[in-house]
Protein backbone atom coordinates (compact mmCIF):
# COMPACT_ATOMS: atom_id res chain seq x y z
CA UNK A 1 265.84 152.90 53.58
CA UNK A 2 263.70 154.42 50.13
CA UNK A 3 265.70 152.01 48.21
CA UNK A 4 264.70 148.98 51.04
CA UNK A 5 260.98 150.07 50.31
CA UNK A 6 260.94 149.93 46.64
CA UNK A 7 262.46 146.48 46.38
CA UNK A 8 260.67 144.77 49.88
CA UNK A 9 257.90 144.09 48.07
CA UNK A 10 259.71 142.60 45.77
CA UNK A 11 261.54 140.58 47.61
CA UNK A 12 259.00 139.52 50.05
CA UNK A 13 256.82 137.45 46.06
CA UNK A 14 260.18 135.86 45.72
CA UNK A 15 260.20 134.71 49.38
CA UNK A 16 256.84 133.57 50.57
CA UNK A 17 256.66 132.12 46.76
CA UNK A 18 259.93 130.31 47.64
CA UNK A 19 258.82 129.36 51.23
CA UNK A 20 255.17 128.59 49.74
CA UNK A 21 256.52 125.86 46.64
CA UNK A 22 259.65 124.53 48.85
CA UNK A 23 256.92 123.43 51.40
CA UNK A 24 257.45 125.30 54.47
CA UNK A 25 254.54 126.72 54.74
CA UNK A 26 252.05 125.17 54.02
CA UNK A 27 249.05 125.94 52.87
CA UNK A 28 244.84 124.86 52.45
CA UNK A 29 244.70 122.20 49.25
CA UNK A 30 244.03 123.73 45.72
CA UNK A 31 245.56 126.95 47.31
CA UNK A 32 248.59 127.83 44.42
CA UNK A 33 251.80 129.95 46.16
CA UNK A 34 251.67 132.36 43.21
CA UNK A 35 248.20 132.98 44.54
CA UNK A 36 249.50 133.84 47.78
CA UNK A 37 252.22 135.31 47.02
CA UNK A 38 251.25 137.50 43.97
CA UNK A 39 248.39 138.56 47.36
CA UNK A 40 251.66 139.61 49.75
CA UNK A 41 252.68 141.53 47.04
CA UNK A 42 250.28 143.76 46.31
CA UNK A 43 249.52 144.10 49.48
CA UNK A 44 252.45 145.14 50.05
CA UNK A 45 253.47 147.75 47.73
CA UNK A 46 250.69 149.90 47.50
CA UNK A 47 252.06 150.02 51.60
CA UNK A 48 255.21 150.78 50.54
CA UNK A 49 254.45 153.44 48.06
CA UNK A 50 252.45 155.28 50.07
CA UNK A 51 255.05 155.12 53.00
CA UNK A 52 257.57 156.59 50.13
CA UNK A 53 255.24 158.51 48.65
CA UNK A 54 254.76 160.14 52.47
CA UNK A 55 258.90 159.92 53.41
CA UNK A 56 258.83 161.75 50.12
CA UNK A 57 257.50 164.97 50.70
CA UNK A 58 254.19 163.98 48.93
CA UNK A 59 255.87 162.51 45.71
CA UNK A 60 256.67 159.62 44.21
CA UNK A 61 259.19 159.43 41.48
CA UNK A 62 258.43 158.55 37.88
CA UNK A 63 260.28 155.35 38.24
CA UNK A 64 258.66 155.15 40.89
CA UNK A 65 254.66 155.43 39.32
CA UNK A 66 255.84 152.92 36.42
CA UNK A 67 256.51 149.99 38.95
CA UNK A 68 253.47 150.52 40.92
CA UNK A 69 251.29 151.09 38.34
CA UNK A 70 252.71 147.81 35.64
CA UNK A 71 252.89 145.92 38.89
CA UNK A 72 249.69 147.08 40.41
CA UNK A 73 248.10 145.66 36.49
CA UNK A 74 250.46 142.95 36.50
CA UNK A 75 249.18 141.39 39.71
CA UNK A 76 245.38 142.16 39.35
CA UNK A 77 245.33 140.49 35.95
CA UNK A 78 246.83 137.02 37.97
CA UNK A 79 244.67 136.89 40.61
CA UNK A 80 242.18 137.47 38.04
CA UNK A 81 242.57 135.73 34.51
CA UNK A 82 244.80 133.63 34.94
CA UNK A 83 248.24 132.83 37.79
CA UNK A 84 251.02 132.91 34.59
CA UNK A 85 250.68 136.15 34.01
CA UNK A 86 252.81 137.52 36.97
CA UNK A 87 255.77 135.63 35.40
CA UNK A 88 255.63 137.69 32.60
CA UNK A 89 255.66 141.31 34.06
CA UNK A 90 259.81 141.03 33.86
CA UNK A 91 260.26 140.32 30.00
CA UNK A 92 257.14 142.90 28.93
CA UNK A 93 259.13 145.52 31.85
CA UNK A 94 262.35 144.70 30.21
CA UNK A 95 261.12 145.52 26.95
CA UNK A 96 259.26 148.06 27.21
CA UNK A 97 262.39 149.64 29.00
CA UNK A 98 264.46 148.26 26.37
CA UNK A 99 261.84 149.64 23.28
CA UNK A 100 261.60 153.25 25.10
CA UNK A 101 265.79 153.25 25.55
CA UNK A 102 266.41 152.12 22.06
CA UNK A 103 263.28 155.04 20.55
CA UNK A 104 265.60 157.42 22.57
CA UNK A 105 268.48 156.60 20.67
CA UNK A 106 267.82 156.64 17.56
CA UNK A 107 266.02 159.87 18.16
CA UNK A 108 268.90 161.29 19.88
CA UNK A 109 266.96 161.70 23.10
CA UNK A 110 267.78 160.50 26.19
CA UNK A 111 265.15 159.08 29.11
CA UNK A 112 267.18 157.93 30.95
CA UNK A 113 269.41 162.28 31.01
CA UNK A 114 265.70 162.89 31.93
CA UNK A 115 265.41 160.29 34.65
CA UNK A 116 269.05 160.86 36.50
CA UNK A 117 269.84 163.74 35.60
CA UNK A 118 269.04 164.83 39.17
CA UNK A 119 271.38 162.52 40.44
CA UNK A 120 274.15 162.18 37.82
CA UNK A 121 276.17 164.98 35.84
CA UNK A 122 276.97 163.31 32.42
CA UNK A 123 278.26 164.77 29.35
CA UNK A 124 275.51 164.56 25.99
CA UNK A 125 277.47 161.47 24.54
CA UNK A 126 277.69 159.92 27.60
CA UNK A 127 274.26 159.86 28.44
CA UNK A 128 274.24 158.65 24.85
CA UNK A 129 275.92 155.75 25.16
CA UNK A 130 274.67 154.98 28.69
CA UNK A 131 271.56 155.21 27.26
CA UNK A 132 272.44 152.47 24.59
CA UNK A 133 273.98 149.98 26.79
CA UNK A 134 271.18 149.83 28.96
CA UNK A 135 269.18 149.30 26.51
CA UNK A 136 271.02 146.31 25.09
CA UNK A 137 270.56 144.57 28.43
CA UNK A 138 266.81 145.67 28.94
CA UNK A 139 266.54 143.34 25.53
CA UNK A 140 268.82 140.79 26.24
CA UNK A 141 266.86 140.32 29.53
CA UNK A 142 263.74 140.24 27.94
CA UNK A 143 264.92 137.76 25.70
CA UNK A 144 266.42 135.75 28.14
CA UNK A 145 263.86 135.50 30.45
CA UNK A 146 261.04 135.24 27.04
CA UNK A 147 263.37 131.87 26.73
CA UNK A 148 263.99 130.46 30.11
């Protein structure tokens, strides 16, 4: 249930954008699908995080706070400044995660261990390997997304 609430706003954004962009739902002249989908995302991410906050005994995880903040930032910038900004969200998030993980790896710290140690018990070497692999994955995904 928690994972569904975490991903629901992003799935809704994609579905709304797809339906509007392909003409399954018609819009008034001059209204762009990316703007409507971003509005849906902004409203749903706030509602879902309020529900998560209540369900999780008045707290959100570090990752939920980060995703909430970044989503609100990029959605707001998209609505207020330029519609293209929301398209960069994934690239920026992947880049930030990759850089943070690489810095942690080089300083022999594991941000992943900090975030996930309550759910997953691993030896120190496994955390370092996992950190490196995820750092390379995020940097690779950011690179591919920027290219496309």
